[in-house]
Amino acid sequence: MKLGGLPSGIRRLIIGVVGGTVLLIGIALIVLPGPAVVVIPVGLAILATEFAWARRYVHKARELLEKAKKKI
């Protein structure tokens, strides 16, 4: 499904709902059995395509990952 042709408000709404749902599932997987470590960044990456606050979290997560790689 290509969202490029939609008006920006509808596109933001769809991305917000899909990304928010994936993020909430990831948060639930923290206490439920499942790959929360994978699902949460995917939800943030979806949200980061439209929202600056999510882009900041993705950037911080990448920095933390790089620091962790250097320590190993």
Protein backbone atom coordinates (compact mmCIF):
# COMPACT_ATOMS: atom_id res chain seq x y z
CA MET A 1 0.00 0.00 0.00
CA LYS A 2 1.50 3.30 -1.07
CA LEU A 3 0.65 6.30 1.08
CA GLY A 4 2.41 8.92 -1.04
CA GLY A 5 -0.75 10.00 -2.86
CA LEU A 6 -2.78 10.67 0.27
CA PRO A 7 -3.21 14.12 1.83
CA SER A 8 -0.61 14.71 4.55
CA GLY A 9 -3.14 14.73 7.41
CA ILE A 10 -4.55 11.34 6.49
CA ARG A 11 -1.05 9.95 5.90
CA ARG A 12 0.08 11.14 9.35
CA LEU A 13 -3.02 9.61 10.93
CA ILE A 14 -2.46 6.22 9.29
CA ILE A 15 1.23 6.17 10.19
CA GLY A 16 0.41 7.29 13.73
CA VAL A 17 -2.15 4.53 14.22
CA VAL A 18 -0.01 1.77 12.68
CA GLY A 19 3.23 2.87 14.37
CA GLY A 20 1.49 3.48 17.69
CA THR A 21 -0.13 0.06 17.59
CA VAL A 22 3.18 -1.67 16.85
CA LEU A 23 4.86 0.35 19.63
CA LEU A 24 2.13 -0.55 22.13
CA ILE A 25 2.41 -4.23 21.20
CA GLY A 26 6.15 -3.97 21.78
CA ILE A 27 5.62 -2.38 25.18
CA ALA A 28 3.18 -5.16 26.08
CA LEU A 29 5.82 -7.71 25.03
CA ILE A 30 8.09 -6.41 27.78
CA VAL A 31 5.98 -8.36 30.29
CA LEU A 32 4.58 -10.94 27.85
CA PRO A 33 6.72 -13.54 26.12
CA GLY A 34 7.93 -12.12 22.85
CA PRO A 35 10.59 -10.07 21.08
CA ALA A 36 10.00 -6.64 22.64
CA VAL A 37 13.57 -5.62 21.82
CA VAL A 38 12.74 -6.00 18.12
CA VAL A 39 9.14 -4.76 18.03
CA ILE A 40 9.62 -1.48 19.93
CA PRO A 41 12.29 -0.12 17.54
CA VAL A 42 10.15 -1.15 14.56
CA GLY A 43 7.22 0.84 15.96
CA LEU A 44 9.46 3.84 16.59
CA ALA A 45 10.91 3.58 13.08
CA ILE A 46 7.41 3.64 11.59
CA LEU A 47 6.51 6.68 13.68
CA ALA A 48 9.83 8.36 12.83
CA THR A 49 8.80 8.61 9.18
CA GLU A 50 6.34 11.36 10.18
CA PHE A 51 7.07 12.56 13.73
CA ALA A 52 10.17 14.41 14.94
CA TRP A 53 9.88 13.15 18.53
CA ALA A 54 10.12 9.55 17.30
CA ARG A 55 13.14 10.44 15.13
CA ARG A 56 14.90 11.74 18.27
CA TYR A 57 14.25 8.44 20.08
CA VAL A 58 15.49 6.43 17.10
CA HIS A 59 18.64 8.57 17.00
CA LYS A 60 19.23 8.08 20.75
CA ALA A 61 18.71 4.34 20.38
CA ARG A 62 21.28 4.19 17.57
CA GLU A 63 23.78 6.09 19.73
CA LEU A 64 23.25 3.66 22.61
CA LEU A 65 23.69 0.72 20.26
CA GLU A 66 26.97 2.14 18.96
CA LYS A 67 28.24 2.66 22.54
CA ALA A 68 27.28 -0.91 23.41
CA LYS A 69 29.10 -2.24 20.33
CA LYS A 70 32.27 -0.39 21.33
CA LYS A 71 32.21 -1.91 24.82
CA ILE A 72 32.08 -5.46 23.49
